[in-house]
């Protein structure tokens, strides 16, 4: 059976064993912060500033919905992400749509099997 792609109003069917949805509702630029300083590097464009996620209806056997920008607001992913700011960090409270893969990668790796 082919996997359906997600779209507005979509849901995860009951034939799935496990579903985890990582999403953010914070708009605007992602903000990378210098670890021991006050400098920041904002990243985004008109589209990424407008894109936000949300909960997805799920009938899977086990489901989790994690709003990264609030549930993991104080969690960090260390850089370096940029040469001009080599000692930087990304906080959950500062994510946008573009940087969600960077932020969630280490956390979800263990779920992939």
N, C-alpha and C. Protein backbone atom coordinates (compact mmCIF):
# COMPACT_ATOMS: atom_id res chain seq x y z
N UNK A 1 0.85 -1.18 0.00
CA UNK A 1 0.00 0.00 0.00
C UNK A 1 0.89 1.24 0.00
N UNK A 2 0.69 2.19 -0.91
CA UNK A 2 1.53 3.40 -0.96
C UNK A 2 1.29 4.30 0.26
N UNK A 3 2.33 5.03 0.63
CA UNK A 3 2.22 5.98 1.74
C UNK A 3 1.62 7.26 1.22
N UNK A 4 0.64 7.77 1.91
CA UNK A 4 0.01 9.03 1.51
C UNK A 4 0.86 10.20 1.97
N UNK A 5 0.90 11.24 1.18
CA UNK A 5 1.62 12.44 1.59
C UNK A 5 0.70 13.29 2.45
N UNK A 6 1.33 14.07 3.35
CA UNK A 6 0.53 14.92 4.23
C UNK A 6 0.10 16.18 3.51
N UNK A 7 -1.09 16.59 3.75
CA UNK A 7 -1.63 17.84 3.21
C UNK A 7 -2.65 18.34 4.22
N UNK A 8 -3.09 19.54 4.04
CA UNK A 8 -4.05 20.12 4.98
C UNK A 8 -5.23 19.18 5.15
N UNK A 9 -5.57 18.88 6.38
CA UNK A 9 -6.70 18.00 6.66
C UNK A 9 -6.35 16.52 6.61
N UNK A 10 -5.11 16.19 6.33
CA UNK A 10 -4.70 14.79 6.25
C UNK A 10 -4.62 14.18 7.64
N UNK A 11 -4.58 12.86 7.70
CA UNK A 11 -4.43 12.17 8.97
C UNK A 11 -3.61 10.92 8.76
N UNK A 12 -3.04 10.43 9.83
CA UNK A 12 -2.30 9.18 9.79
C UNK A 12 -3.30 8.07 10.06
N UNK A 13 -3.31 7.11 9.17
CA UNK A 13 -4.29 6.02 9.27
C UNK A 13 -3.91 5.04 10.38
N UNK A 14 -4.84 4.20 10.78
CA UNK A 14 -4.64 3.27 11.88
C UNK A 14 -3.69 2.11 11.55
N UNK A 15 -3.27 1.97 10.29
CA UNK A 15 -2.35 0.88 9.94
C UNK A 15 -0.89 1.23 10.27
N UNK A 16 -0.65 2.40 10.82
CA UNK A 16 0.70 2.77 11.25
C UNK A 16 0.93 2.35 12.69
N UNK A 17 2.14 1.84 12.98
CA UNK A 17 2.45 1.45 14.36
C UNK A 17 2.80 2.64 15.22
N UNK A 18 3.62 3.55 14.66
CA UNK A 18 4.13 4.66 15.46
C UNK A 18 4.20 5.91 14.59
N UNK A 19 3.77 7.03 15.17
CA UNK A 19 3.82 8.31 14.47
C UNK A 19 4.29 9.39 15.43
N UNK A 20 5.30 10.14 15.02
CA UNK A 20 5.78 11.27 15.82
C UNK A 20 5.80 12.48 14.91
N UNK A 21 5.16 13.54 15.33
CA UNK A 21 5.10 14.78 14.57
C UNK A 21 5.86 15.86 15.33
N UNK A 22 6.95 16.34 14.73
CA UNK A 22 7.70 17.46 15.29
C UNK A 22 7.30 18.68 14.48
N UNK A 23 6.81 19.71 15.13
CA UNK A 23 6.36 20.90 14.40
C UNK A 23 6.66 22.16 15.19
N UNK A 24 6.56 23.30 14.51
CA UNK A 24 6.78 24.59 15.15
C UNK A 24 5.69 25.54 14.69
N UNK A 25 5.29 26.44 15.57
CA UNK A 25 4.30 27.44 15.20
C UNK A 25 4.87 28.84 15.30
N UNK A 26 6.15 28.94 15.58
CA UNK A 26 6.83 30.23 15.63
C UNK A 26 7.15 30.63 14.20
N UNK A 27 6.73 31.78 13.79
CA UNK A 27 7.07 32.30 12.48
C UNK A 27 8.34 33.13 12.54
N UNK A 28 8.72 33.70 11.44
CA UNK A 28 9.89 34.57 11.41
C UNK A 28 11.17 33.82 11.11
N UNK A 29 12.28 34.51 11.29
CA UNK A 29 13.59 33.93 11.03
C UNK A 29 13.98 32.95 12.13
N UNK A 30 14.78 31.95 11.76
CA UNK A 30 15.46 31.13 12.76
C UNK A 30 16.60 31.98 13.29
N UNK A 31 16.96 31.79 14.55
CA UNK A 31 18.01 32.61 15.16
C UNK A 31 19.09 31.70 15.74
N UNK A 32 20.28 31.83 15.19
CA UNK A 32 21.45 31.13 15.73
C UNK A 32 22.16 32.10 16.65
N UNK A 33 22.49 31.66 17.87
CA UNK A 33 23.06 32.55 18.88
C UNK A 33 24.51 32.15 19.19
N UNK A 34 25.33 33.17 19.39
CA UNK A 34 26.70 32.95 19.82
C UNK A 34 26.68 32.40 21.24
N UNK A 35 27.50 31.39 21.51
CA UNK A 35 27.48 30.73 22.82
C UNK A 35 27.90 31.68 23.93
N UNK A 36 28.99 32.40 23.75
CA UNK A 36 29.47 33.29 24.81
C UNK A 36 29.48 34.73 24.31
N UNK A 37 28.40 35.19 23.86
CA UNK A 37 28.32 36.55 23.35
C UNK A 37 26.89 36.92 23.06
N UNK A 38 26.72 38.02 22.40
CA UNK A 38 25.37 38.50 22.12
C UNK A 38 25.04 38.52 20.63
N UNK A 39 26.01 38.12 19.80
CA UNK A 39 25.76 38.15 18.36
C UNK A 39 24.79 37.05 17.96
N UNK A 40 24.00 37.34 16.95
CA UNK A 40 23.05 36.37 16.40
C UNK A 40 23.13 36.39 14.89
N UNK A 41 22.72 35.29 14.28
CA UNK A 41 22.60 35.21 12.83
C UNK A 41 21.17 34.77 12.53
N UNK A 42 20.35 35.67 11.96
CA UNK A 42 18.98 35.27 11.58
C UNK A 42 18.99 34.60 10.20
N UNK A 43 18.20 33.55 10.06
CA UNK A 43 18.10 32.83 8.79
C UNK A 43 16.63 32.69 8.42
N UNK A 44 16.32 33.04 7.20
CA UNK A 44 14.95 32.88 6.72
C UNK A 44 14.70 33.67 5.47
N UNK A 45 13.58 33.42 4.85
CA UNK A 45 13.14 34.19 3.70
C UNK A 45 11.63 34.36 3.82
N UNK A 46 11.03 34.98 2.85
CA UNK A 46 9.60 35.29 2.95
C UNK A 46 8.76 34.02 3.13
N UNK A 47 9.17 32.92 2.50
CA UNK A 47 8.38 31.70 2.61
C UNK A 47 8.58 31.04 3.97
N UNK A 48 9.84 30.89 4.39
CA UNK A 48 10.08 30.22 5.67
C UNK A 48 9.55 31.02 6.84
N UNK A 49 9.46 32.33 6.70
CA UNK A 49 8.88 33.15 7.78
C UNK A 49 7.39 32.90 7.93
N UNK A 50 6.76 32.47 6.86
CA UNK A 50 5.31 32.26 6.86
C UNK A 50 4.91 30.83 7.20
N UNK A 51 5.81 29.87 6.98
CA UNK A 51 5.45 28.46 7.19
C UNK A 51 5.48 28.08 8.66
N UNK A 52 4.41 27.49 9.10
CA UNK A 52 4.35 26.94 10.45
C UNK A 52 3.72 25.57 10.37
N UNK A 53 3.91 24.78 11.40
CA UNK A 53 3.33 23.45 11.42
C UNK A 53 2.20 23.38 12.42
N UNK A 54 1.73 22.18 12.64
CA UNK A 54 0.66 21.98 13.60
C UNK A 54 0.42 20.50 13.83
N UNK A 55 -0.43 20.19 14.78
CA UNK A 55 -0.76 18.80 15.05
C UNK A 55 -1.40 18.14 13.84
N UNK A 56 -1.18 16.85 13.71
CA UNK A 56 -1.77 16.06 12.63
C UNK A 56 -2.61 14.96 13.29
N UNK A 57 -3.82 14.82 12.86
CA UNK A 57 -4.69 13.77 13.40
C UNK A 57 -4.07 12.41 13.12
N UNK A 58 -4.01 11.58 14.14
CA UNK A 58 -3.38 10.27 13.97
C UNK A 58 -4.21 9.18 14.63
N UNK A 59 -4.34 8.09 13.90
CA UNK A 59 -4.97 6.88 14.43
C UNK A 59 -3.94 5.76 14.57
N UNK A 60 -2.66 6.10 14.47
CA UNK A 60 -1.59 5.10 14.60
C UNK A 60 -1.62 4.49 16.00
N UNK A 61 -1.02 3.34 16.14
CA UNK A 61 -1.00 2.65 17.43
C UNK A 61 -0.39 3.49 18.54
N UNK A 62 0.67 4.23 18.22
CA UNK A 62 1.33 5.12 19.18
C UNK A 62 1.60 6.43 18.47
N UNK A 63 1.16 7.54 19.06
CA UNK A 63 1.34 8.84 18.43
C UNK A 63 1.88 9.86 19.42
N UNK A 64 2.74 10.73 18.93
CA UNK A 64 3.25 11.84 19.73
C UNK A 64 3.23 13.10 18.88
N UNK A 65 2.87 14.20 19.49
CA UNK A 65 2.88 15.51 18.83
C UNK A 65 3.79 16.40 19.66
N UNK A 66 4.88 16.87 19.08
CA UNK A 66 5.85 17.68 19.83
C UNK A 66 6.00 19.04 19.16
N UNK A 67 5.54 20.06 19.85
CA UNK A 67 5.72 21.42 19.37
C UNK A 67 7.10 21.90 19.84
N UNK A 68 8.05 21.84 18.97
CA UNK A 68 9.46 22.08 19.29
C UNK A 68 9.71 23.46 19.89
N UNK A 69 9.07 24.49 19.36
CA UNK A 69 9.37 25.86 19.82
C UNK A 69 8.85 26.15 21.22
N UNK A 70 8.04 25.29 21.79
CA UNK A 70 7.61 25.47 23.18
C UNK A 70 8.07 24.30 24.06
N UNK A 71 7.83 23.07 23.65
CA UNK A 71 8.21 21.90 24.46
C UNK A 71 9.72 21.80 24.65
N UNK A 72 10.47 22.16 23.63
CA UNK A 72 11.93 22.10 23.69
C UNK A 72 12.54 23.50 23.58
N UNK A 73 11.85 24.50 24.07
CA UNK A 73 12.30 25.90 23.94
C UNK A 73 13.71 26.12 24.46
N UNK A 74 14.06 25.48 25.56
CA UNK A 74 15.39 25.69 26.17
C UNK A 74 16.42 24.65 25.75
N UNK A 75 16.00 23.67 24.95
CA UNK A 75 16.94 22.66 24.44
C UNK A 75 17.80 23.29 23.36
N UNK A 76 19.02 22.78 23.19
CA UNK A 76 19.92 23.35 22.19
C UNK A 76 20.52 22.28 21.29
N UNK A 77 20.95 22.73 20.13
CA UNK A 77 21.76 21.95 19.22
C UNK A 77 23.00 22.79 18.96
N UNK A 78 24.19 22.26 19.29
CA UNK A 78 25.40 23.06 19.10
C UNK A 78 25.81 23.12 17.64
N UNK A 79 26.43 24.24 17.26
CA UNK A 79 26.98 24.44 15.92
C UNK A 79 28.33 23.75 15.81
N UNK A 80 29.19 24.16 14.93
CA UNK A 80 29.03 25.40 14.17
C UNK A 80 28.13 25.23 12.95
N UNK A 81 27.32 26.22 12.71
CA UNK A 81 26.48 26.25 11.53
C UNK A 81 26.99 27.25 10.51
N UNK A 82 27.72 28.27 10.98
CA UNK A 82 28.19 29.35 10.11
C UNK A 82 29.63 29.70 10.42
N UNK A 83 30.41 29.94 9.39
CA UNK A 83 31.80 30.33 9.58
C UNK A 83 31.92 31.69 10.28
N UNK A 84 31.02 32.62 9.98
CA UNK A 84 31.12 33.95 10.58
C UNK A 84 30.73 33.96 12.06
N UNK A 85 30.12 32.90 12.53
CA UNK A 85 29.76 32.77 13.93
C UNK A 85 30.07 31.32 14.33
N UNK A 86 31.37 30.97 14.46
CA UNK A 86 31.75 29.56 14.59
C UNK A 86 31.31 28.88 15.88
N UNK A 87 31.14 29.61 16.95
CA UNK A 87 30.75 29.02 18.23
C UNK A 87 29.30 29.40 18.52
N UNK A 88 28.37 28.73 17.83
CA UNK A 88 26.97 29.12 17.96
C UNK A 88 26.10 27.94 18.32
N UNK A 89 24.87 28.26 18.67
CA UNK A 89 23.93 27.26 19.13
C UNK A 89 22.53 27.64 18.63
N UNK A 90 21.70 26.63 18.45
CA UNK A 90 20.31 26.85 18.04
C UNK A 90 19.40 26.34 19.16
N UNK A 91 18.55 27.22 19.67
CA UNK A 91 17.58 26.86 20.71
C UNK A 91 16.25 26.46 20.06
N UNK A 92 15.51 25.61 20.74
CA UNK A 92 14.18 25.23 20.25
C UNK A 92 13.27 26.43 20.09
N UNK A 93 13.38 27.40 20.98
CA UNK A 93 12.52 28.59 20.90
C UNK A 93 12.81 29.44 19.67
N UNK A 94 13.96 29.20 19.01
CA UNK A 94 14.37 30.01 17.87
C UNK A 94 14.24 29.31 16.52
N UNK A 95 13.63 28.13 16.48
CA UNK A 95 13.53 27.41 15.21
C UNK A 95 12.46 28.02 14.31
N UNK A 96 12.64 27.82 13.02
CA UNK A 96 11.58 28.06 12.05
C UNK A 96 11.52 26.84 11.15
N UNK A 97 10.69 26.88 10.14
CA UNK A 97 10.49 25.73 9.27
C UNK A 97 11.79 25.24 8.63
N UNK A 98 12.66 26.16 8.22
CA UNK A 98 13.89 25.80 7.52
C UNK A 98 14.85 24.98 8.36
N UNK A 99 14.93 25.23 9.64
CA UNK A 99 15.96 24.60 10.47
C UNK A 99 15.45 23.43 11.31
N UNK A 100 14.21 23.06 11.15
CA UNK A 100 13.68 21.92 11.91
C UNK A 100 14.50 20.65 11.69
N UNK A 101 14.94 20.32 10.46
CA UNK A 101 15.77 19.12 10.30
C UNK A 101 17.07 19.18 11.11
N UNK A 102 17.73 20.33 11.16
CA UNK A 102 18.96 20.48 11.95
C UNK A 102 18.66 20.26 13.42
N UNK A 103 17.57 20.83 13.88
CA UNK A 103 17.25 20.77 15.31
C UNK A 103 16.81 19.38 15.75
N UNK A 104 16.05 18.69 14.94
CA UNK A 104 15.49 17.40 15.35
C UNK A 104 16.35 16.20 14.98
N UNK A 105 17.35 16.36 14.12
CA UNK A 105 18.11 15.23 13.57
C UNK A 105 18.64 14.27 14.64
N UNK A 106 19.35 14.78 15.63
CA UNK A 106 19.94 13.90 16.64
C UNK A 106 18.87 13.24 17.51
N UNK A 107 17.77 13.91 17.70
CA UNK A 107 16.71 13.37 18.56
C UNK A 107 15.94 12.24 17.86
N UNK A 108 15.77 12.33 16.57
CA UNK A 108 14.95 11.34 15.87
C UNK A 108 15.77 10.17 15.33
N UNK A 109 17.05 10.30 15.26
CA UNK A 109 17.90 9.24 14.71
C UNK A 109 17.62 7.90 15.37
N UNK A 110 17.41 7.88 16.67
CA UNK A 110 17.15 6.65 17.40
C UNK A 110 15.80 6.04 17.08
N UNK A 111 14.89 6.83 16.55
CA UNK A 111 13.55 6.31 16.20
C UNK A 111 13.54 5.64 14.84
N UNK A 112 14.55 5.92 14.04
CA UNK A 112 14.60 5.36 12.68
C UNK A 112 15.20 3.95 12.72
N UNK A 113 14.41 2.99 12.44
CA UNK A 113 14.89 1.61 12.41
C UNK A 113 14.05 0.78 11.49
